[in-house]
Amino acid sequence: MQIDAGTSDSEEIEKKKEVRKLERKTLREVMVKIGLERIDTQEGVTVEALLDSRVTGLIMSSEFTKKQRFKLKKLEKPINVRNIDRLFNKEGLIENMVEVNIYYQEYRERTKIDIIGGQKWTVILGMLWLAHHNFEIDWRIGEVK
């Protein structure tokens, strides 16, 4: 048996409970409002986008793409995609993308977004986008600076 003069077993258990509570409260998902502008018509739409550092690139749901009539461009080489659980996505390969202007705060950029079906999110902005812009993100309260 190891004895720590600084904390009792019950104090240690309470500390672990507090850490678990804090972990549950920490946001894993931060949502931001962005503007998306179609290149061909310059028509725009405002959407809630998910910031997700576990995703590599930028993703738009195929359902949203169809609804908003974005012009699809076929990828030269389809992309095999894995989910967070490391299994291949059941919707199959990413075969299309759209080119759009993204507006967020004072930022505007023309970029390509991969299209994939079966997403509960309209748009996901992943690690490459986050690293490029280097926003300060407080994942606990969902604030982006």
Foldseek 3Di string as FASTA:
>chain_A
DDDDPPDDPVVVVVVVVVVVVLVVLQAQWFWDWKKKAAPVPRDIDIFIEIEHALDDAKEFEPVLCVVVVHDKDFDPDWAFDADPVRHTDPQGTQGIWGWIWMGDDPDTDIDIHTYTHDDPGRMYGYNVNCVVVVWDARRNVNDTD
